Protein backbone atom coordinates (compact mmCIF):
# COMPACT_ATOMS: atom_id res chain seq x y z
CA MET A 1 28.70 9.71 69.96
CA THR A 2 31.11 9.66 67.15
CA ALA A 3 29.93 10.52 63.60
CA GLU A 4 30.61 6.90 62.44
CA SER A 5 28.46 5.30 65.16
CA ALA A 6 25.63 7.94 64.59
CA SER A 7 25.52 6.74 61.05
CA THR A 8 24.78 3.02 62.03
CA ALA A 9 22.49 3.60 64.70
CA PRO A 10 18.79 2.92 64.01
CA ALA A 11 18.18 6.42 65.59
CA GLU A 12 14.87 7.13 63.64
CA SER A 13 13.37 3.69 63.91
CA VAL A 14 9.89 4.23 65.70
CA PRO A 15 7.90 1.32 66.91
CA SER A 16 4.11 1.10 66.28
CA VAL A 17 2.81 3.89 68.38
CA PRO A 18 -0.27 6.19 68.05
CA SER A 19 0.58 8.88 65.43
CA GLU A 20 -0.30 11.58 67.80
CA ASN A 21 2.64 10.38 70.09
CA VAL A 22 5.19 10.77 67.30
CA ALA A 23 6.88 14.05 66.28
CA ASP A 24 9.89 15.53 64.56
CA VAL A 25 11.01 16.86 68.09
CA ILE A 26 10.04 16.29 71.64
CA VAL A 27 10.56 19.28 74.06
CA VAL A 28 10.48 18.21 77.66
CA GLY A 29 9.28 21.16 79.84
CA ALA A 30 7.17 24.15 79.09
CA GLY A 31 9.22 26.82 81.02
CA PRO A 32 10.54 29.77 79.38
CA SER A 33 13.29 27.55 77.36
CA GLY A 34 11.06 24.72 76.50
CA SER A 35 8.17 27.07 75.20
CA ALA A 36 10.71 29.43 73.26
CA THR A 37 12.31 26.12 71.73
CA ALA A 38 8.74 24.79 70.61
CA TYR A 39 7.81 27.95 69.14
CA HIS A 40 10.79 28.52 67.11
CA LEU A 41 10.61 24.98 65.93
CA ALA A 42 7.08 25.28 64.96
CA THR A 43 7.60 28.51 63.09
CA ALA A 44 10.16 26.42 61.12
CA GLY A 45 7.46 24.11 60.00
CA LEU A 46 8.52 21.16 62.29
CA ASP A 47 6.06 18.94 64.29
CA VAL A 48 6.68 19.47 67.98
CA LEU A 49 5.46 17.82 71.11
CA LEU A 50 5.89 20.11 74.08
CA LEU A 51 5.49 18.09 77.36
CA GLU A 52 4.66 19.80 80.71
CA LYS A 53 4.46 17.99 84.01
CA ALA A 54 2.15 20.52 85.55
CA GLN A 55 -0.92 22.24 84.48
CA PHE A 56 -1.13 25.93 83.79
CA PRO A 57 -1.12 28.28 85.54
CA ARG A 58 1.58 26.74 87.91
CA GLU A 59 3.89 28.32 90.43
CA LYS A 60 7.48 28.91 89.74
CA VAL A 61 9.86 30.62 92.15
CA CYS A 62 11.31 33.60 90.35
CA GLY A 63 11.97 37.43 90.90
CA ASP A 64 9.47 38.12 88.27
CA GLY A 65 11.68 40.92 86.66
CA LEU A 66 12.78 40.89 83.19
CA THR A 67 15.68 42.82 81.68
CA PRO A 68 15.65 44.25 78.20
CA ARG A 69 17.53 41.29 77.03
CA ALA A 70 14.27 39.12 78.07
CA VAL A 71 12.07 41.73 76.55
CA LYS A 72 13.69 41.27 73.20
CA GLN A 73 13.06 37.60 73.13
CA LEU A 74 9.49 38.10 73.93
CA VAL A 75 9.06 40.47 70.82
CA ARG A 76 10.81 37.71 68.84
CA MET A 77 8.01 35.21 69.88
CA GLY A 78 5.37 37.91 68.92
CA VAL A 79 4.21 38.50 72.44
CA ASP A 80 2.29 41.72 73.16
CA THR A 81 4.35 43.50 75.82
CA SER A 82 2.32 46.55 76.20
CA GLU A 83 0.94 47.93 79.45
CA GLU A 84 -2.55 47.41 77.98
CA ALA A 85 -1.79 43.67 77.76
CA GLY A 86 -0.90 43.53 81.59
CA TRP A 87 2.82 44.03 81.60
CA LEU A 88 4.29 46.36 84.10
CA HIS A 89 7.18 48.21 82.46
CA ASN A 90 10.29 49.58 84.30
CA LYS A 91 12.91 52.17 83.43
CA GLY A 92 16.00 50.45 84.74
CA LEU A 93 17.65 49.45 87.82
CA ARG A 94 17.88 51.09 91.25
CA ILE A 95 20.92 49.99 93.30
CA ILE A 96 21.21 50.31 97.11
CA GLY A 97 24.29 49.89 99.24
CA GLY A 98 27.23 51.36 101.10
CA GLY A 99 24.68 54.09 102.47
CA MET A 100 23.96 55.02 98.67
CA ARG A 101 21.24 55.00 96.28
CA LEU A 102 21.49 55.13 92.49
CA GLU A 103 18.99 54.98 89.70
CA LEU A 104 20.47 53.62 86.50
CA ALA A 105 18.18 53.74 83.25
CA TRP A 106 18.54 50.65 80.95
CA PRO A 107 20.96 51.68 78.12
CA ASP A 108 19.84 52.79 74.74
CA LEU A 109 20.94 50.34 72.23
CA ALA A 110 20.24 49.22 68.89
CA ALA A 111 20.13 45.56 69.85
CA TYR A 112 17.78 45.61 72.68
CA PRO A 113 14.65 47.79 73.85
CA ASN A 114 15.08 50.28 76.65
CA TYR A 115 12.73 49.00 78.96
CA GLY A 116 12.18 46.00 81.29
CA LEU A 117 8.98 44.08 82.38
CA VAL A 118 7.54 42.49 85.37
CA ARG A 119 5.09 39.54 85.11
CA PRO A 120 4.36 36.86 87.58
CA ARG A 121 5.86 33.44 86.40
CA ALA A 122 2.80 31.47 86.72
CA ASP A 123 1.02 33.93 84.24
CA PHE A 124 4.36 34.37 82.25
CA ASP A 125 5.01 30.79 81.62
CA GLN A 126 1.54 30.21 80.44
CA ILE A 127 1.68 33.08 77.99
CA LEU A 128 4.92 31.60 76.47
CA ALA A 129 3.28 27.99 76.21
CA ARG A 130 0.17 29.20 74.68
CA GLN A 131 2.25 31.30 72.10
CA ALA A 132 4.19 28.08 71.15
CA GLU A 133 0.71 26.36 70.80
CA LYS A 134 -0.45 29.26 68.62
CA ALA A 135 2.69 28.64 66.41
CA GLY A 136 1.70 24.89 66.02
CA ALA A 137 3.47 23.12 68.82
CA ARG A 138 1.45 20.38 70.42
CA LEU A 139 1.26 21.13 74.20
CA ARG A 140 0.65 18.16 76.47
CA GLU A 141 0.09 19.17 80.16
CA ASN A 142 0.03 17.03 83.19
CA THR A 143 2.60 14.82 81.41
CA ASN A 144 5.46 13.88 83.49
CA VAL A 145 8.52 12.57 81.62
CA THR A 146 10.01 9.73 83.55
CA GLY A 147 12.95 8.70 81.29
CA PRO A 148 14.60 8.48 77.81
CA ILE A 149 13.78 5.76 75.28
CA PHE A 150 16.73 4.30 73.52
CA ALA A 151 16.91 3.47 69.65
CA ALA A 152 17.60 -0.26 70.43
CA ARG A 153 18.90 -2.47 73.00
CA GLY A 154 22.66 -1.59 73.74
CA SER A 155 22.17 1.43 71.82
CA ASN A 156 22.91 4.77 73.68
CA ARG A 157 20.97 7.32 71.31
CA VAL A 158 17.72 8.63 72.50
CA VAL A 159 14.65 8.37 70.18
CA GLY A 160 11.85 9.42 72.66
CA VAL A 161 10.67 9.33 76.37
CA THR A 162 8.36 7.59 78.64
CA ALA A 163 5.82 9.59 80.48
CA ARG A 164 3.15 9.45 83.13
CA ILE A 165 -0.02 11.23 82.37
CA THR A 166 -2.42 12.39 84.90
CA ASP A 167 -5.92 12.38 83.60
CA ASP A 168 -8.70 14.80 84.56
CA ASP A 169 -10.20 12.48 87.17
CA GLY A 170 -6.82 12.15 88.79
CA GLY A 171 -5.93 8.69 87.31
CA LYS A 172 -2.40 8.24 85.92
CA ARG A 173 -1.30 6.10 83.09
CA ASP A 174 1.94 5.57 81.28
CA THR A 175 2.75 6.28 77.75
CA ALA A 176 5.72 6.78 75.36
CA TYR A 177 6.58 9.63 72.73
CA HIS A 178 8.95 9.09 69.87
CA ALA A 179 11.05 11.68 67.92
CA PRO A 180 14.36 11.49 66.34
CA LEU A 181 15.55 14.57 68.76
CA VAL A 182 14.55 15.42 72.01
CA VAL A 183 15.18 18.82 73.95
CA ALA A 184 15.78 18.80 77.80
CA ALA A 185 13.98 21.89 78.96
CA ASP A 186 13.15 20.38 82.37
CA GLY A 187 15.04 23.09 84.46
CA ASN A 188 17.71 22.53 87.06
CA SER A 189 16.64 19.18 88.40
CA THR A 190 16.50 17.96 84.68
CA ARG A 191 15.74 14.35 85.35
CA LEU A 192 16.14 13.69 81.62
CA SER A 193 19.73 14.88 81.53
CA ILE A 194 20.61 12.92 84.94
CA ALA A 195 19.20 9.71 83.22
CA LEU A 196 21.99 10.31 80.54
CA GLY A 197 24.72 10.63 83.16
CA LEU A 198 24.90 14.52 82.80
CA HIS A 199 25.62 15.82 86.10
CA LYS A 200 26.39 19.11 87.38
CA ARG A 201 30.03 20.54 87.35
CA ASP A 202 31.48 21.44 90.76
CA ASP A 203 33.78 23.98 89.27
CA ARG A 204 30.73 26.18 88.13
CA PRO A 205 28.93 28.69 90.47
CA MET A 206 25.55 27.91 91.93
CA GLY A 207 23.11 30.28 93.55
CA VAL A 208 20.05 29.96 95.72
CA ALA A 209 17.07 32.24 95.66
CA TYR A 210 14.36 32.76 97.99
CA ARG A 211 11.09 34.96 97.49
CA THR A 212 7.79 35.87 98.50
CA TYR A 213 5.06 38.74 98.00
CA TYR A 214 3.84 41.37 100.19
CA LYS A 215 1.07 43.81 100.01
CA SER A 216 2.77 47.08 99.70
CA PRO A 217 2.68 50.70 98.50
CA ARG A 218 5.61 49.95 96.39
CA THR A 219 3.76 47.86 94.00
CA ASN A 220 3.76 50.40 91.05
CA ASP A 221 7.49 51.21 91.42
CA ASP A 222 8.85 51.69 87.87
CA TYR A 223 12.52 50.55 88.81
CA LEU A 224 13.69 47.12 89.60
CA GLU A 225 15.65 47.54 92.82
CA SER A 226 18.73 45.73 94.10
CA TRP A 227 20.23 45.66 97.52
CA LEU A 228 23.91 45.05 97.39
CA GLU A 229 24.23 44.83 101.20
CA LEU A 230 21.65 43.29 103.57
CA TRP A 231 21.81 44.45 107.11
CA ASP A 232 20.24 42.86 110.22
CA GLY A 233 20.89 45.88 112.59
CA GLU A 234 24.63 46.02 112.92
CA ARG A 235 25.21 42.71 111.12
CA LEU A 236 25.93 42.50 107.39
CA LEU A 237 24.08 39.30 105.90
CA PRO A 238 25.35 37.23 103.12
CA GLY A 239 23.89 37.76 99.70
CA TYR A 240 21.89 40.41 97.98
CA GLY A 241 18.31 41.17 98.01
CA TRP A 242 15.61 42.77 95.54
CA VAL A 243 12.19 44.64 95.63
CA PHE A 244 10.18 44.36 92.37
CA GLY A 245 6.74 46.12 92.29
CA MET A 246 4.26 43.89 90.77
CA GLY A 247 1.57 46.49 89.83
CA ASP A 248 -1.22 44.33 91.46
CA GLY A 249 -1.10 45.85 95.02
CA THR A 250 1.94 43.70 96.00
CA SER A 251 5.70 43.54 95.57
CA ASN A 252 7.92 40.60 94.87
CA VAL A 253 10.69 40.56 97.54
CA GLY A 254 13.45 38.04 97.69
CA LEU A 255 17.22 37.38 98.24
CA GLY A 256 19.97 35.19 96.71
CA ILE A 257 23.19 34.02 97.84
CA LEU A 258 26.04 32.29 96.09
CA ASN A 259 27.95 29.26 96.79
CA THR A 260 31.30 31.05 96.67
CA THR A 261 30.06 32.67 99.97
CA LYS A 262 31.39 30.77 103.04
CA SER A 263 27.91 30.85 104.78
CA PHE A 264 26.23 29.06 101.72
CA ARG A 265 25.35 25.94 103.35
CA ASN A 266 24.52 27.21 106.82
CA VAL A 267 21.91 29.81 105.87
CA LYS A 268 18.30 29.52 106.88
CA TYR A 269 16.98 31.61 104.10
CA PRO A 270 13.50 32.39 105.25
CA ASP A 271 14.94 33.59 108.46
CA LEU A 272 17.45 35.61 106.53
CA LEU A 273 14.85 37.24 104.44
CA ARG A 274 12.85 38.23 107.55
CA SER A 275 15.86 39.69 109.41
CA TRP A 276 16.58 41.81 106.30
CA LEU A 277 13.17 43.10 105.98
CA ARG A 278 12.63 43.85 109.68
CA ASN A 279 15.07 46.86 109.07
CA THR A 280 13.12 48.13 105.87
CA PRO A 281 10.88 51.21 106.38
CA GLU A 282 7.50 50.34 108.11
CA ASP A 283 5.43 51.88 105.56
CA TRP A 284 6.70 49.52 102.79
CA GLY A 285 4.60 47.01 104.39
CA PHE A 286 7.07 44.14 104.38
CA THR A 287 5.72 42.40 107.45
CA GLU A 288 4.13 38.91 108.12
CA GLU A 289 0.76 40.17 108.27
CA ASN A 290 1.02 41.51 104.70
CA ARG A 291 2.60 38.41 103.19
CA THR A 292 0.53 36.94 100.53
CA GLU A 293 2.46 33.80 99.68
CA PRO A 294 4.83 31.25 101.31
CA ILE A 295 8.55 31.93 101.23
CA ARG A 296 9.84 29.78 98.41
CA GLY A 297 13.30 28.85 97.11
CA ALA A 298 15.00 27.56 93.98
CA ALA A 299 18.64 27.01 92.81
CA LEU A 300 20.22 29.00 90.13
CA PRO A 301 22.49 26.90 87.92
CA MET A 302 25.21 29.07 86.52
CA GLY A 303 27.65 29.47 83.89
CA PHE A 304 27.23 26.13 81.89
CA ASN A 305 27.15 23.98 85.11
CA ARG A 306 25.89 20.90 83.03
CA GLN A 307 27.56 19.83 79.79
CA PRO A 308 27.78 18.62 77.03
CA HIS A 309 24.89 20.57 75.68
CA TYR A 310 24.26 18.14 72.92
CA THR A 311 24.77 14.47 73.22
CA ARG A 312 23.14 11.19 71.66
CA GLY A 313 19.98 12.94 70.17
CA VAL A 314 19.41 15.20 73.07
CA LEU A 315 19.89 18.88 73.42
CA LEU A 316 20.02 20.98 76.75
CA VAL A 317 18.45 24.44 76.97
CA GLY A 318 17.96 26.83 79.84
CA ASP A 319 18.46 25.78 83.39
CA ALA A 320 19.02 22.31 82.39
CA GLY A 321 22.16 23.30 80.70
CA GLY A 322 23.12 25.73 83.76
CA MET A 323 22.71 28.92 81.72
CA VAL A 324 21.85 31.48 84.33
CA ASN A 325 24.00 34.52 83.99
CA PRO A 326 26.64 34.45 86.92
CA PHE A 327 26.82 38.25 87.19
CA ASN A 328 23.21 38.77 88.01
CA GLY A 329 21.33 35.75 88.42
CA GLU A 330 19.10 36.23 85.37
CA GLY A 331 17.91 33.10 83.67
CA ILE A 332 14.90 33.70 81.72
CA ALA A 333 16.64 35.75 78.64
CA TYR A 334 19.23 32.97 78.48
CA ALA A 335 16.65 30.27 78.51
CA MET A 336 14.80 31.70 75.67
CA GLU A 337 17.86 32.58 73.73
CA SER A 338 19.23 29.14 74.11
CA GLY A 339 15.96 27.88 72.87
CA GLU A 340 16.04 29.71 69.91
CA LEU A 341 19.49 28.76 69.10
CA ALA A 342 18.65 25.12 69.46
CA ALA A 343 15.69 25.31 67.28
CA ASP A 344 17.74 26.80 64.55
CA VAL A 345 20.20 23.91 64.76
CA ILE A 346 17.66 21.36 64.98
CA ALA A 347 15.83 22.71 61.78
CA GLN A 348 19.09 22.63 59.94
CA ALA A 349 19.85 19.16 61.30
CA LEU A 350 16.49 17.71 60.42
CA ALA A 351 16.83 18.99 56.88
CA ARG A 352 19.82 16.50 56.35
CA PRO A 353 19.71 12.66 56.24
CA SER A 354 20.19 10.92 59.50
CA GLY A 355 23.80 9.75 60.34
CA ILE A 356 26.96 11.79 59.91
CA GLU A 357 25.49 14.64 58.14
CA ARG A 358 22.83 15.40 60.84
CA GLU A 359 25.33 14.82 63.49
CA ARG A 360 27.78 17.28 62.01
CA ALA A 361 24.68 19.90 61.90
CA LEU A 362 23.98 19.09 65.74
CA SER A 363 27.44 19.73 66.66
CA ALA A 364 27.09 23.35 65.98
CA TYR A 365 24.71 23.81 68.99
CA PRO A 366 27.40 23.49 71.75
CA ARG A 367 29.74 25.67 69.71
CA ALA A 368 27.16 28.32 69.27
CA LEU A 369 26.49 28.48 72.98
CA LYS A 370 30.17 28.87 73.72
CA ASP A 371 30.58 31.49 71.01
CA THR A 372 27.56 33.53 72.38
CA TYR A 373 28.26 33.27 76.13
CA GLY A 374 31.39 31.28 76.79
CA GLY A 375 33.97 34.17 77.34
CA TYR A 376 31.20 36.17 79.13
CA TYR A 377 30.42 33.53 81.58
CA THR A 378 33.92 32.86 82.23
CA LEU A 379 34.12 36.63 83.34
CA GLY A 380 31.10 36.15 85.33
CA ARG A 381 32.74 33.09 87.23
CA LEU A 382 35.58 35.35 88.21
CA PHE A 383 33.13 37.95 89.45
CA VAL A 384 31.11 35.73 91.69
CA SER A 385 34.28 34.30 93.06
CA LEU A 386 35.63 37.82 94.13
CA ILE A 387 32.20 38.92 95.65
CA GLY A 388 31.97 35.87 97.73
CA ASN A 389 34.30 37.60 99.87
CA PRO A 390 32.25 40.01 101.92
CA LYS A 391 35.09 42.49 102.25
CA VAL A 392 35.53 42.77 98.59
CA MET A 393 31.87 43.18 97.97
CA ARG A 394 31.71 45.78 100.76
CA LEU A 395 34.63 47.70 99.09
CA ALA A 396 33.27 47.53 95.67
CA THR A 397 29.96 48.85 96.72
CA GLN A 398 31.27 51.78 98.79
CA ARG A 399 33.77 52.85 96.21
CA GLY A 400 31.69 51.85 92.91
CA LEU A 401 28.28 53.60 93.79
CA SER A 402 30.05 57.17 94.10
CA HIS A 403 31.01 56.89 90.52
CA PRO A 404 27.81 57.05 88.08
CA MET A 405 29.99 56.40 85.18
CA LEU A 406 31.44 53.19 86.76
CA MET A 407 28.10 52.13 87.75
CA ARG A 408 26.65 52.72 84.21
CA PHE A 409 29.46 50.39 82.79
CA THR A 410 28.84 47.81 85.64
CA LEU A 411 25.03 47.73 84.74
CA LYS A 412 25.87 46.98 80.98
CA MET A 413 28.38 44.20 82.23
CA LEU A 414 26.24 42.75 84.67
CA ALA A 415 23.05 42.61 82.50
CA ASN A 416 25.06 41.67 79.41
CA LEU A 417 23.48 44.66 77.51
CA THR A 418 25.73 45.82 74.72
CA ASP A 419 25.47 46.50 71.03
CA PRO A 420 27.56 43.69 69.47
CA LYS A 421 28.72 45.79 66.56
CA GLY A 422 29.74 49.55 67.13
CA GLY A 423 28.13 50.76 70.28
CA ASP A 424 30.01 53.26 72.69
CA ALA A 425 33.32 52.81 74.36
CA MET A 426 31.76 50.85 77.10
CA ASP A 427 30.37 48.29 74.79
CA ARG A 428 33.61 47.91 72.89
CA ILE A 429 35.42 47.23 76.16
CA ILE A 430 32.90 44.77 77.65
CA ASN A 431 32.59 43.00 74.12
CA ALA A 432 36.34 42.69 73.84
CA MET A 433 36.87 41.29 77.38
CA ALA A 434 34.13 38.58 76.65
CA LYS A 435 36.04 37.80 73.39
CA ILE A 436 39.33 37.32 74.68
CA ALA A 437 38.18 35.34 77.91
CA PRO A 438 38.41 31.62 77.45
CA ASP A 439 35.25 29.65 76.73
CA ALA A 440 33.29 28.75 79.91
């Protein structure tokens, strides 16, 4: 939309609807990105409707492991991350591959804490949604957004959403919510973005992750564990694996594969997971009789695979905007960070009159995303294209793990953990590489 057309569109005209269905901002989806957006909007004094299609607690496919980057965002939201509050802390990343095992502590930085966390997603997402509620956001569960509402016939500017509510007795009813701005935080499937014609970009990497839970004595492991090679006897399997102790008697065990791997479309992921686990030590307990949950999978939209991130009154955050880190498949930290970025831009925009001035403020959001992640995600796309070749991955694993200094550099690079100003030589090299790389 041009600034001129924005100034003439009746974007903020609201029909006669119940006042409880009108807000300054509507956030669609109460996952990490949506709840973080709603929290920061509410703390800025804005009236926010947070619409969630399910009811908490609810299942989400995830590794449940959080790096220090995600921990920082939890602290920003005032979440108590202590062990007494039920969080399992971890010291760093254990890497296994090439016949070697290496434990790398999270780096000591000014910008990020030096510990990670583990928490089940059903519990985690509920904590964030309730934190947004405490800040003043109006959470509506069992509210499935079905499409955008446009300002007027022939207009392409969004001024609200339609939704189907499931009542306590199971009955369903349709309703509408109105706001001058809408945030799409509805995940990889993002029906709202698709309704606006915003489809995935084929030139961006996509990952797939599958995971389940096993009763295991490894439940209290204080390192996140990553397997860079998955073996089925003599055969090297495509992808990478993880084992995250949950601290509740179980371990979250899963694997991921990138679409840069030739086998991407031909893999039966549950079979692949079982093949790998059959070759793990018996006393770990990763057997069918110890499995406590179904094997579930989800897509990992990486490297800004859906753009633009602002258009026609709608901002995309988290997975809806393809913000998963291509280097390591981490999505939660970037979901929450993008939510805070979006909230800051929205607060500034709504302090201005509608029209050209407001649109000028909103245009800062995609620029801020590219300034923050653009070069880094470009490096990530190059990285995944290289490791999609099993020979390259095997060589990198065999040569790299024998050099602890190189692996510490790699950990900082893959987890995006550097001090933006100052820092050590590794930080300065990584920051410089991201700065000179073209925007994603």
